[in-house]
Full PDB file with SEQRES, HELIX, SHEET, SSBOND, CRYST1, ORIGX, SCALE, CONECT and MASTER records, all heavy atoms in Angstrom:
SEQRES   1 A   35  SER GLY VAL SER ALA LYS LEU PRO ASP LEU ARG ASP ALA          
SEQRES   2 A   35  VAL LEU PRO GLY ALA ASP ILE ASP ALA GLY LYS GLY ASP          
SEQRES   3 A   35  ALA ARG THR ASP SER ASP ASP GLU GLU                          
HELIX    1 AA1 PRO A    8  LEU A   10  5                                   3    
CRYST1    1.000    1.000    1.000  90.00  90.00  90.00 P 1           1          
ORIGX1      1.000000  0.000000  0.000000        0.00000                         
ORIGX2      0.000000  1.000000  0.000000        0.00000                         
ORIGX3      0.000000  0.000000  1.000000        0.00000                         
SCALE1      1.000000  0.000000  0.000000        0.00000                         
SCALE2      0.000000  1.000000  0.000000        0.00000                         
SCALE3      0.000000  0.000000  1.000000        0.00000                         
ATOM      1  N   SER A   1     102.839  83.387  93.728  1.00  0.00           N  
ATOM      2  CA  SER A   1     101.903  82.681  92.867  1.00  0.00           C  
ATOM      3  C   SER A   1     102.486  82.386  91.495  1.00  0.00           C  
ATOM      4  O   SER A   1     101.766  81.977  90.583  1.00  0.00           O  
ATOM      5  CB  SER A   1     100.669  83.537  92.681  1.00  0.00           C  
ATOM      6  OG  SER A   1     100.984  84.817  92.112  1.00  0.00           O  
ATOM      7  N   GLY A   2     103.805  82.535  91.350  1.00  0.00           N  
ATOM      8  CA  GLY A   2     104.429  82.417  90.053  1.00  0.00           C  
ATOM      9  C   GLY A   2     104.556  83.771  89.392  1.00  0.00           C  
ATOM     10  O   GLY A   2     104.046  84.792  89.919  1.00  0.00           O  
ATOM     11  N   VAL A   3     105.214  83.848  88.256  1.00  0.00           N  
ATOM     12  CA  VAL A   3     105.426  85.112  87.569  1.00  0.00           C  
ATOM     13  C   VAL A   3     105.202  84.955  86.074  1.00  0.00           C  
ATOM     14  O   VAL A   3     105.655  83.960  85.479  1.00  0.00           O  
ATOM     15  CB  VAL A   3     106.913  85.589  87.783  1.00  0.00           C  
ATOM     16  CG1 VAL A   3     107.209  86.864  86.999  1.00  0.00           C  
ATOM     17  CG2 VAL A   3     107.206  85.811  89.281  1.00  0.00           C  
ATOM     18  N   SER A   4     104.505  85.916  85.455  1.00  0.00           N  
ATOM     19  CA  SER A   4     104.297  85.885  84.028  1.00  0.00           C  
ATOM     20  C   SER A   4     105.598  86.330  83.329  1.00  0.00           C  
ATOM     21  O   SER A   4     105.829  87.504  83.066  1.00  0.00           O  
ATOM     22  CB  SER A   4     103.145  86.836  83.661  1.00  0.00           C  
ATOM     23  OG  SER A   4     101.935  86.394  84.151  1.00  0.00           O  
ATOM     24  N   ALA A   5     106.418  85.339  83.085  1.00  0.00           N  
ATOM     25  CA  ALA A   5     107.805  85.625  82.646  1.00  0.00           C  
ATOM     26  C   ALA A   5     107.875  86.175  81.229  1.00  0.00           C  
ATOM     27  O   ALA A   5     108.903  86.810  80.906  1.00  0.00           O  
ATOM     28  CB  ALA A   5     108.641  84.335  82.716  1.00  0.00           C  
ATOM     29  N   LYS A   6     106.869  85.981  80.391  1.00  0.00           N  
ATOM     30  CA  LYS A   6     106.941  86.431  79.029  1.00  0.00           C  
ATOM     31  C   LYS A   6     106.532  87.877  78.799  1.00  0.00           C  
ATOM     32  O   LYS A   6     106.629  88.395  77.685  1.00  0.00           O  
ATOM     33  CB  LYS A   6     106.063  85.516  78.127  1.00  0.00           C  
ATOM     34  CG  LYS A   6     106.582  84.079  78.048  1.00  0.00           C  
ATOM     35  CD  LYS A   6     105.704  83.236  77.134  1.00  0.00           C  
ATOM     36  CE  LYS A   6     106.238  81.816  77.028  1.00  0.00           C  
ATOM     37  NZ  LYS A   6     105.417  80.975  76.140  1.00  0.00           N  
ATOM     38  N   LEU A   7     106.091  88.543  79.832  1.00  0.00           N  
ATOM     39  CA  LEU A   7     105.713  89.954  79.662  1.00  0.00           C  
ATOM     40  C   LEU A   7     106.934  90.778  79.311  1.00  0.00           C  
ATOM     41  O   LEU A   7     108.041  90.559  79.817  1.00  0.00           O  
ATOM     42  CB  LEU A   7     105.125  90.482  80.992  1.00  0.00           C  
ATOM     43  CG  LEU A   7     103.799  89.838  81.455  1.00  0.00           C  
ATOM     44  CD1 LEU A   7     103.374  90.412  82.801  1.00  0.00           C  
ATOM     45  CD2 LEU A   7     102.689  90.077  80.412  1.00  0.00           C  
ATOM     46  N   PRO A   8     106.737  91.791  78.470  1.00  0.00           N  
ATOM     47  CA  PRO A   8     107.893  92.635  78.053  1.00  0.00           C  
ATOM     48  C   PRO A   8     108.628  93.259  79.232  1.00  0.00           C  
ATOM     49  O   PRO A   8     109.869  93.328  79.247  1.00  0.00           O  
ATOM     50  CB  PRO A   8     107.232  93.707  77.164  1.00  0.00           C  
ATOM     51  CG  PRO A   8     106.033  93.037  76.612  1.00  0.00           C  
ATOM     52  CD  PRO A   8     105.526  92.119  77.701  1.00  0.00           C  
ATOM     53  N   ASP A   9     107.916  93.704  80.261  1.00  0.00           N  
ATOM     54  CA  ASP A   9     108.551  94.354  81.379  1.00  0.00           C  
ATOM     55  C   ASP A   9     109.416  93.389  82.179  1.00  0.00           C  
ATOM     56  O   ASP A   9     110.230  93.831  83.012  1.00  0.00           O  
ATOM     57  CB  ASP A   9     107.506  94.985  82.299  1.00  0.00           C  
ATOM     58  CG  ASP A   9     106.947  96.268  81.748  1.00  0.00           C  
ATOM     59  OD1 ASP A   9     107.744  97.098  81.269  1.00  0.00           O  
ATOM     60  OD2 ASP A   9     105.717  96.472  81.808  1.00  0.00           O  
ATOM     61  N   LEU A  10     109.204  92.095  81.991  1.00  0.00           N  
ATOM     62  CA  LEU A  10     109.957  91.084  82.770  1.00  0.00           C  
ATOM     63  C   LEU A  10     110.816  90.164  81.914  1.00  0.00           C  
ATOM     64  O   LEU A  10     111.412  89.250  82.380  1.00  0.00           O  
ATOM     65  CB  LEU A  10     108.990  90.262  83.614  1.00  0.00           C  
ATOM     66  CG  LEU A  10     108.366  90.986  84.778  1.00  0.00           C  
ATOM     67  CD1 LEU A  10     107.250  90.136  85.422  1.00  0.00           C  
ATOM     68  CD2 LEU A  10     109.387  91.368  85.828  1.00  0.00           C  
ATOM     69  N   ARG A  11     110.860  90.472  80.638  1.00  0.00           N  
ATOM     70  CA  ARG A  11     111.642  89.645  79.717  1.00  0.00           C  
ATOM     71  C   ARG A  11     113.093  89.612  80.104  1.00  0.00           C  
ATOM     72  O   ARG A  11     113.697  90.671  80.429  1.00  0.00           O  
ATOM     73  CB  ARG A  11     111.480  90.138  78.279  1.00  0.00           C  
ATOM     74  CG  ARG A  11     112.009  89.195  77.229  1.00  0.00           C  
ATOM     75  CD  ARG A  11     111.579  89.617  75.850  1.00  0.00           C  
ATOM     76  NE  ARG A  11     110.126  89.568  75.711  1.00  0.00           N  
ATOM     77  CZ  ARG A  11     109.416  90.519  75.072  1.00  0.00           C  
ATOM     78  NH1 ARG A  11     110.019  91.588  74.601  1.00  0.00           N  
ATOM     79  NH2 ARG A  11     108.096  90.374  74.940  1.00  0.00           N  
ATOM     80  N   ASP A  12     113.650  88.455  80.208  1.00  0.00           N  
ATOM     81  CA  ASP A  12     115.060  88.221  80.581  1.00  0.00           C  
ATOM     82  C   ASP A  12     115.305  88.433  82.068  1.00  0.00           C  
ATOM     83  O   ASP A  12     116.451  88.336  82.531  1.00  0.00           O  
ATOM     84  CB  ASP A  12     116.017  89.118  79.775  1.00  0.00           C  
ATOM     85  CG  ASP A  12     115.932  88.866  78.273  1.00  0.00           C  
ATOM     86  OD1 ASP A  12     115.740  87.704  77.890  1.00  0.00           O  
ATOM     87  OD2 ASP A  12     116.051  89.848  77.518  1.00  0.00           O  
ATOM     88  N   ALA A  13     114.284  88.684  82.840  1.00  0.00           N  
ATOM     89  CA  ALA A  13     114.456  88.919  84.271  1.00  0.00           C  
ATOM     90  C   ALA A  13     114.151  87.659  85.086  1.00  0.00           C  
ATOM     91  O   ALA A  13     114.601  87.553  86.247  1.00  0.00           O  
ATOM     92  CB  ALA A  13     113.540  90.038  84.775  1.00  0.00           C  
ATOM     93  N   VAL A  14     113.396  86.699  84.513  1.00  0.00           N  
ATOM     94  CA  VAL A  14     112.845  85.590  85.331  1.00  0.00           C  
ATOM     95  C   VAL A  14     113.504  84.270  84.938  1.00  0.00           C  
ATOM     96  O   VAL A  14     113.457  83.840  83.800  1.00  0.00           O  
ATOM     97  CB  VAL A  14     111.317  85.505  85.111  1.00  0.00           C  
ATOM     98  CG1 VAL A  14     110.748  84.422  86.028  1.00  0.00           C  
ATOM     99  CG2 VAL A  14     110.637  86.834  85.378  1.00  0.00           C  
ATOM    100  N   LEU A  15     114.108  83.635  85.919  1.00  0.00           N  
ATOM    101  CA  LEU A  15     114.751  82.335  85.742  1.00  0.00           C  
ATOM    102  C   LEU A  15     113.700  81.224  85.849  1.00  0.00           C  
ATOM    103  O   LEU A  15     112.646  81.404  86.439  1.00  0.00           O  
ATOM    104  CB  LEU A  15     115.812  82.141  86.799  1.00  0.00           C  
ATOM    105  CG  LEU A  15     116.934  83.191  86.863  1.00  0.00           C  
ATOM    106  CD1 LEU A  15     117.737  82.986  88.138  1.00  0.00           C  
ATOM    107  CD2 LEU A  15     117.816  83.111  85.657  1.00  0.00           C  
ATOM    108  N   PRO A  16     114.014  80.028  85.349  1.00  0.00           N  
ATOM    109  CA  PRO A  16     113.141  78.883  85.639  1.00  0.00           C  
ATOM    110  C   PRO A  16     113.156  78.588  87.120  1.00  0.00           C  
ATOM    111  O   PRO A  16     114.245  78.543  87.752  1.00  0.00           O  
ATOM    112  CB  PRO A  16     113.807  77.752  84.848  1.00  0.00           C  
ATOM    113  CG  PRO A  16     114.641  78.432  83.806  1.00  0.00           C  
ATOM    114  CD  PRO A  16     115.117  79.683  84.447  1.00  0.00           C  
ATOM    115  N   GLY A  17     111.977  78.422  87.690  1.00  0.00           N  
ATOM    116  CA  GLY A  17     111.877  78.175  89.120  1.00  0.00           C  
ATOM    117  C   GLY A  17     111.227  76.832  89.408  1.00  0.00           C  
ATOM    118  O   GLY A  17     111.549  75.836  88.783  1.00  0.00           O  
ATOM    119  N   ALA A  18     110.303  76.835  90.365  1.00  0.00           N  
ATOM    120  CA  ALA A  18     109.705  75.588  90.759  1.00  0.00           C  
ATOM    121  C   ALA A  18     108.266  75.822  91.254  1.00  0.00           C  
ATOM    122  O   ALA A  18     107.986  76.860  91.901  1.00  0.00           O  
ATOM    123  CB  ALA A  18     110.475  74.889  91.860  1.00  0.00           C  
ATOM    124  N   ASP A  19     107.411  74.891  90.949  1.00  0.00           N  
ATOM    125  CA  ASP A  19     106.030  74.921  91.471  1.00  0.00           C  
ATOM    126  C   ASP A  19     105.950  73.908  92.635  1.00  0.00           C  
ATOM    127  O   ASP A  19     105.744  72.721  92.409  1.00  0.00           O  
ATOM    128  CB  ASP A  19     105.029  74.573  90.376  1.00  0.00           C  
ATOM    129  CG  ASP A  19     103.587  74.781  90.796  1.00  0.00           C  
ATOM    130  OD1 ASP A  19     103.321  74.721  91.997  1.00  0.00           O  
ATOM    131  OD2 ASP A  19     102.721  74.989  89.913  1.00  0.00           O  
ATOM    132  N   ILE A  20     106.170  74.413  93.838  1.00  0.00           N  
ATOM    133  CA  ILE A  20     106.161  73.539  95.002  1.00  0.00           C  
ATOM    134  C   ILE A  20     104.756  73.002  95.252  1.00  0.00           C  
ATOM    135  O   ILE A  20     104.532  71.839  95.646  1.00  0.00           O  
ATOM    136  CB  ILE A  20     106.664  74.266  96.260  1.00  0.00           C  
ATOM    137  CG1 ILE A  20     108.052  74.828  96.013  1.00  0.00           C  
ATOM    138  CG2 ILE A  20     106.635  73.359  97.479  1.00  0.00           C  
ATOM    139  CD1 ILE A  20     109.116  73.825  95.782  1.00  0.00           C  
ATOM    140  N   ASP A  21     103.748  73.814  94.972  1.00  0.00           N  
ATOM    141  CA  ASP A  21     102.362  73.426  95.249  1.00  0.00           C  
ATOM    142  C   ASP A  21     101.934  72.237  94.390  1.00  0.00           C  
ATOM    143  O   ASP A  21     101.369  71.274  94.875  1.00  0.00           O  
ATOM    144  CB  ASP A  21     101.374  74.606  94.944  1.00  0.00           C  
ATOM    145  CG  ASP A  21     101.560  75.731  95.976  1.00  0.00           C  
ATOM    146  OD1 ASP A  21     102.114  75.515  97.028  1.00  0.00           O  
ATOM    147  OD2 ASP A  21     101.135  76.840  95.636  1.00  0.00           O  
ATOM    148  N   ALA A  22     102.219  72.318  93.080  1.00  0.00           N  
ATOM    149  CA  ALA A  22     101.808  71.257  92.184  1.00  0.00           C  
ATOM    150  C   ALA A  22     102.829  70.129  92.070  1.00  0.00           C  
ATOM    151  O   ALA A  22     102.480  69.031  91.613  1.00  0.00           O  
ATOM    152  CB  ALA A  22     101.553  71.855  90.794  1.00  0.00           C  
ATOM    153  N   GLY A  23     104.050  70.368  92.447  1.00  0.00           N  
ATOM    154  CA  GLY A  23     105.099  69.351  92.358  1.00  0.00           C  
ATOM    155  C   GLY A  23     105.718  69.257  90.971  1.00  0.00           C  
ATOM    156  O   GLY A  23     106.556  68.371  90.747  1.00  0.00           O  
ATOM    157  N   LYS A  24     105.334  70.116  90.067  1.00  0.00           N  
ATOM    158  CA  LYS A  24     105.940  70.129  88.728  1.00  0.00           C  
ATOM    159  C   LYS A  24     105.727  71.482  88.109  1.00  0.00           C  
ATOM    160  O   LYS A  24     104.834  72.250  88.512  1.00  0.00           O  
ATOM    161  CB  LYS A  24     105.323  69.060  87.858  1.00  0.00           C  
ATOM    162  CG  LYS A  24     103.828  69.213  87.602  1.00  0.00           C  
ATOM    163  CD  LYS A  24     103.273  68.112  86.707  1.00  0.00           C  
ATOM    164  CE  LYS A  24     101.777  68.290  86.506  1.00  0.00           C  
ATOM    165  NZ  LYS A  24     101.221  67.223  85.649  1.00  0.00           N  
ATOM    166  N   GLY A  25     106.562  71.837  87.158  1.00  0.00           N  
ATOM    167  CA  GLY A  25     106.500  73.151  86.506  1.00  0.00           C  
ATOM    168  C   GLY A  25     107.528  74.097  87.045  1.00  0.00           C  
ATOM    169  O   GLY A  25     108.124  73.868  88.091  1.00  0.00           O  
ATOM    170  N   ASP A  26     107.801  75.190  86.280  1.00  0.00           N  
ATOM    171  CA  ASP A  26     108.864  76.098  86.647  1.00  0.00           C  
ATOM    172  C   ASP A  26     108.379  77.438  87.166  1.00  0.00           C  
ATOM    173  O   ASP A  26     109.207  78.361  87.347  1.00  0.00           O  
ATOM    174  CB  ASP A  26     109.810  76.332  85.470  1.00  0.00           C  
ATOM    175  CG  ASP A  26     109.160  77.015  84.244  1.00  0.00           C  
ATOM    176  OD1 ASP A  26     108.003  77.447  84.389  1.00  0.00           O  
ATOM    177  OD2 ASP A  26     109.832  77.126  83.201  1.00  0.00           O  
ATOM    178  N   ALA A  27     107.093  77.595  87.386  1.00  0.00           N  
ATOM    179  CA  ALA A  27     106.476  78.790  87.990  1.00  0.00           C  
ATOM    180  C   ALA A  27     106.645  80.057  87.155  1.00  0.00           C  
ATOM    181  O   ALA A  27     106.508  81.173  87.678  1.00  0.00           O  
ATOM    182  CB  ALA A  27     107.013  79.006  89.410  1.00  0.00           C  
ATOM    183  N   ARG A  28     106.926  79.907  85.850  1.00  0.00           N  
ATOM    184  CA  ARG A  28     107.030  81.099  85.006  1.00  0.00           C  
ATOM    185  C   ARG A  28     105.712  81.465  84.348  1.00  0.00           C  
ATOM    186  O   ARG A  28     105.647  82.089  83.285  1.00  0.00           O  
ATOM    187  CB  ARG A  28     108.139  80.918  83.972  1.00  0.00           C  
ATOM    188  CG  ARG A  28     109.507  80.997  84.660  1.00  0.00           C  
ATOM    189  CD  ARG A  28     110.648  81.200  83.653  1.00  0.00           C  
ATOM    190  NE  ARG A  28     110.874  79.996  82.851  1.00  0.00           N  
ATOM    191  CZ  ARG A  28     111.811  79.916  81.887  1.00  0.00           C  
ATOM    192  NH1 ARG A  28     112.576  80.947  81.660  1.00  0.00           N  
ATOM    193  NH2 ARG A  28     111.963  78.813  81.241  1.00  0.00           N  
ATOM    194  N   THR A  29     104.611  81.077  84.969  1.00  0.00           N  
ATOM    195  CA  THR A  29     103.299  81.612  84.728  1.00  0.00           C  
ATOM    196  C   THR A  29     102.690  81.973  86.104  1.00  0.00           C  
ATOM    197  O   THR A  29     103.152  81.454  87.104  1.00  0.00           O  
ATOM    198  CB  THR A  29     102.378  80.602  83.995  1.00  0.00           C  
ATOM    199  OG1 THR A  29     102.278  79.416  84.839  1.00  0.00           O  
ATOM    200  CG2 THR A  29     102.959  80.260  82.660  1.00  0.00           C  
ATOM    201  N   ASP A  30     101.725  82.844  86.085  1.00  0.00           N  
ATOM    202  CA  ASP A  30     101.149  83.316  87.335  1.00  0.00           C  
ATOM    203  C   ASP A  30      99.792  82.657  87.548  1.00  0.00           C  
ATOM    204  O   ASP A  30      98.868  82.828  86.731  1.00  0.00           O  
ATOM    205  CB  ASP A  30     100.995  84.867  87.306  1.00  0.00           C  
ATOM    206  CG  ASP A  30     100.798  85.438  88.680  1.00  0.00           C  
ATOM    207  OD1 ASP A  30     100.081  84.829  89.477  1.00  0.00           O  
ATOM    208  OD2 ASP A  30     101.305  86.533  88.926  1.00  0.00           O  
ATOM    209  N   SER A  31      99.642  81.929  88.646  1.00  0.00           N  
ATOM    210  CA  SER A  31      98.404  81.188  88.888  1.00  0.00           C  
ATOM    211  C   SER A  31      97.346  81.993  89.663  1.00  0.00           C  
ATOM    212  O   SER A  31      96.272  81.488  89.959  1.00  0.00           O  
ATOM    213  CB  SER A  31      98.715  79.941  89.725  1.00  0.00           C  
ATOM    214  OG  SER A  31      99.195  80.290  91.023  1.00  0.00           O  
ATOM    215  N   ASP A  32      97.654  83.251  89.953  1.00  0.00           N  
ATOM    216  CA  ASP A  32      96.764  84.047  90.752  1.00  0.00           C  
ATOM    217  C   ASP A  32      95.609  84.599  89.946  1.00  0.00           C  
ATOM    218  O   ASP A  32      95.618  85.740  89.516  1.00  0.00           O  
ATOM    219  CB  ASP A  32      97.545  85.205  91.402  1.00  0.00           C  
ATOM    220  CG  ASP A  32      96.667  86.056  92.306  1.00  0.00           C  
ATOM    221  OD1 ASP A  32      95.597  85.567  92.709  1.00  0.00           O  
ATOM    222  OD2 ASP A  32      97.073  87.183  92.642  1.00  0.00           O  
ATOM    223  N   ASP A  33      94.642  83.719  89.646  1.00  0.00           N  
ATOM    224  CA  ASP A  33      93.489  84.172  88.871  1.00  0.00           C  
ATOM    225  C   ASP A  33      92.471  84.931  89.706  1.00  0.00           C  
ATOM    226  O   ASP A  33      91.628  85.665  89.222  1.00  0.00           O  
ATOM    227  CB  ASP A  33      92.818  82.980  88.172  1.00  0.00           C  
ATOM    228  CG  ASP A  33      92.428  81.881  89.106  1.00  0.00           C  
ATOM    229  OD1 ASP A  33      92.685  82.009  90.312  1.00  0.00           O  
ATOM    230  OD2 ASP A  33      91.873  80.874  88.629  1.00  0.00           O  
ATOM    231  N   GLU A  34      92.544  84.734  91.028  1.00  0.00           N  
ATOM    232  CA  GLU A  34      91.606  85.410  91.915  1.00  0.00           C  
ATOM    233  C   GLU A  34      91.785  86.907  91.899  1.00  0.00           C  
ATOM    234  O   GLU A  34      90.834  87.688  91.901  1.00  0.00           O  
ATOM    235  CB  GLU A  34      91.731  84.874  93.339  1.00  0.00           C  
ATOM    236  CG  GLU A  34      90.729  85.468  94.308  1.00  0.00           C  
ATOM    237  CD  GLU A  34      90.887  84.905  95.716  1.00  0.00           C  
ATOM    238  OE1 GLU A  34      91.543  83.864  95.871  1.00  0.00           O  
ATOM    239  OE2 GLU A  34      90.343  85.516  96.641  1.00  0.00           O  
ATOM    240  N   GLU A  35      93.030  87.363  91.924  1.00  0.00           N  
ATOM    241  CA  GLU A  35      93.319  88.821  91.964  1.00  0.00           C  
ATOM    242  C   GLU A  35      94.269  89.229  90.869  1.00  0.00           C  
ATOM    243  O   GLU A  35      94.839  90.314  90.906  1.00  0.00           O  
ATOM    244  CB  GLU A  35      93.889  89.186  93.341  1.00  0.00           C  
ATOM    245  CG  GLU A  35      92.906  89.018  94.477  1.00  0.00           C  
ATOM    246  CD  GLU A  35      91.719  89.988  94.464  1.00  0.00           C  
ATOM    247  OE1 GLU A  35      91.740  90.924  93.634  1.00  0.00           O  
ATOM    248  OE2 GLU A  35      90.837  89.795  95.268  1.00  0.00           O  
TER     249      GLU A  35                                                      
MASTER        0    0    0    1    0    0    0    6  248    1    0    3          
END                                                                             
């Protein structure tokens, strides 16, 4: 669902990726609002 890349526990761990679902974006935010 993407990754919250700015969190301190993940800082410097997350590369720019891809949002295949939306067709744009680097998936460095987490879209999982349901859970």
